[in-house]
């Protein structure tokens, strides 16, 4: 079975893993997914991640993060662009996520980055998703 929107599938696996209080979730690898996961790690939304091979298949294993009361660090995760409807934004009109408390992930001409870094570099791009 092929997935028409692999990034939305990844975000859904993370969302479902958090609701089920899983320690980790496995997603199929791709360059853009790996870049998104790196941003989630750098911004403190996940504990860690690693490339994992099981029965000859590659995965990215994401270790989900919870606070001391077992509340998930990720409160929400939303997909912007989809294969059927792309969302683009110039750096002047880059949306803010929860008044700066969330992170916007953007695909720019210089790679995948956060909305804040894209604005600093004066880069626009495709809005991938937001996390808060």
Protein backbone atom coordinates (compact mmCIF):
# COMPACT_ATOMS: atom_id res chain seq x y z
CA UNK A 1 0.00 0.00 0.00
CA UNK A 2 1.43 3.36 -0.93
CA UNK A 3 0.65 6.45 1.08
CA UNK A 4 -0.41 9.52 -0.89
CA UNK A 5 0.93 11.94 1.78
CA UNK A 6 3.87 10.35 3.64
CA UNK A 7 4.51 13.43 5.82
CA UNK A 8 0.88 13.50 7.03
CA UNK A 9 1.22 9.76 7.70
CA UNK A 10 4.35 10.42 9.82
CA UNK A 11 2.61 13.21 11.78
CA UNK A 12 -0.39 10.95 12.38
CA UNK A 13 1.85 8.16 13.69
CA UNK A 14 3.48 10.62 16.10
CA UNK A 15 0.06 12.01 17.16
CA UNK A 16 -1.37 8.50 17.70
CA UNK A 17 1.77 7.38 19.56
CA UNK A 18 1.43 10.31 21.95
CA UNK A 19 -2.27 9.62 22.60
CA UNK A 20 -1.47 5.96 23.29
CA UNK A 21 1.49 7.02 25.53
CA UNK A 22 3.95 4.99 23.45
CA UNK A 23 7.65 5.31 24.21
CA UNK A 24 8.58 5.19 20.52
CA UNK A 25 7.12 5.08 17.00
CA UNK A 26 8.68 3.80 13.77
CA UNK A 27 8.24 5.63 10.48
CA UNK A 28 9.46 4.85 6.99
CA UNK A 29 12.53 6.93 6.10
CA UNK A 30 12.93 9.77 3.62
CA UNK A 31 15.23 12.78 3.49
CA UNK A 32 12.50 15.31 4.28
CA UNK A 33 11.09 13.22 7.15
CA UNK A 34 14.59 12.93 8.63
CA UNK A 35 14.99 16.73 8.43
CA UNK A 36 11.61 17.25 10.14
CA UNK A 37 12.55 14.78 12.89
CA UNK A 38 15.91 16.58 13.40
CA UNK A 39 14.04 19.87 13.90
CA UNK A 40 11.64 18.22 16.38
CA UNK A 41 14.69 16.96 18.33
CA UNK A 42 16.53 20.33 18.23
CA UNK A 43 13.40 22.18 19.38
CA UNK A 44 12.87 19.74 22.28
CA UNK A 45 9.64 18.08 21.12
CA UNK A 46 11.04 14.53 21.02
CA UNK A 47 13.64 12.77 23.18
CA UNK A 48 15.69 11.33 20.36
CA UNK A 49 15.60 9.43 17.08
CA UNK A 50 17.75 6.89 15.31
CA UNK A 51 17.92 5.14 11.99
CA UNK A 52 16.92 1.53 12.58
CA UNK A 53 17.02 -1.60 10.43
CA UNK A 54 14.68 -4.49 11.22
CA UNK A 55 14.30 -7.57 9.01
CA UNK A 56 16.06 -5.78 6.16
CA UNK A 57 13.71 -2.77 6.29
CA UNK A 58 14.86 0.73 7.22
CA UNK A 59 12.97 2.85 9.76
CA UNK A 60 13.40 6.09 11.62
CA UNK A 61 12.64 5.28 15.26
CA UNK A 62 11.32 8.34 17.12
CA UNK A 63 11.47 8.37 20.93
CA UNK A 64 8.54 10.45 22.19
CA UNK A 65 9.00 12.92 25.04
CA UNK A 66 6.81 13.34 28.14
CA UNK A 67 7.10 15.51 31.25
CA UNK A 68 7.33 14.17 34.81
CA UNK A 69 3.51 13.76 35.00
CA UNK A 70 3.56 11.75 31.73
CA UNK A 71 1.94 14.60 29.78
CA UNK A 72 3.21 14.71 26.18
CA UNK A 73 5.52 17.59 25.25
CA UNK A 74 3.78 17.81 21.86
CA UNK A 75 0.30 19.27 22.44
CA UNK A 76 -0.62 19.51 18.79
CA UNK A 77 0.79 18.87 15.35
CA UNK A 78 -0.81 20.21 12.16
CA UNK A 79 -0.09 19.64 8.47
CA UNK A 80 -0.22 22.68 6.17
CA UNK A 81 0.77 21.69 2.61
CA UNK A 82 -0.63 18.52 1.12
CA UNK A 83 0.17 16.94 -2.25
CA UNK A 84 -3.13 18.34 -3.60
CA UNK A 85 -2.86 21.79 -2.03
CA UNK A 86 0.47 23.47 -1.44
CA UNK A 87 0.88 26.38 0.98
CA UNK A 88 3.69 28.85 0.39
CA UNK A 89 4.67 31.95 2.33
CA UNK A 90 7.18 34.71 1.84
CA UNK A 91 9.33 35.57 4.86
CA UNK A 92 7.37 38.82 5.43
CA UNK A 93 4.10 36.93 5.99
CA UNK A 94 5.43 33.81 7.75
CA UNK A 95 2.72 32.67 10.20
CA UNK A 96 3.51 32.42 13.92
CA UNK A 97 2.52 29.28 15.83
CA UNK A 98 0.84 29.99 19.17
CA UNK A 99 2.34 33.48 19.31
CA UNK A 100 5.88 32.11 19.10
CA UNK A 101 5.44 29.16 21.49
CA UNK A 102 5.14 26.64 18.66
CA UNK A 103 7.43 25.79 15.76
CA UNK A 104 6.62 26.16 12.08
CA UNK A 105 8.56 23.81 9.79
CA UNK A 106 9.24 25.25 6.33
CA UNK A 107 10.89 23.82 3.22
CA UNK A 108 13.05 26.58 1.72
CA UNK A 109 15.49 26.74 -1.18
CA UNK A 110 18.25 26.14 1.41
CA UNK A 111 16.62 23.07 2.96
CA UNK A 112 14.08 22.31 5.67
CA UNK A 113 14.18 24.74 8.60
CA UNK A 114 12.02 26.43 11.23
CA UNK A 115 9.86 29.42 10.36
CA UNK A 116 11.92 31.61 12.70
CA UNK A 117 15.22 30.74 11.00
CA UNK A 118 13.65 31.20 7.56
CA UNK A 119 12.54 34.73 8.52
CA UNK A 120 16.02 35.51 9.92
CA UNK A 121 17.58 34.43 6.59
CA UNK A 122 14.83 36.26 4.67
CA UNK A 123 13.70 33.02 3.00
CA UNK A 124 10.15 32.06 2.04
CA UNK A 125 9.06 28.55 1.25
CA UNK A 126 6.50 25.79 1.48
CA UNK A 127 4.80 25.48 4.88
CA UNK A 128 5.10 21.82 5.88
CA UNK A 129 3.64 21.64 9.39
CA UNK A 130 3.47 23.27 12.81
CA UNK A 131 4.07 21.76 16.26
CA UNK A 132 3.13 23.18 19.64
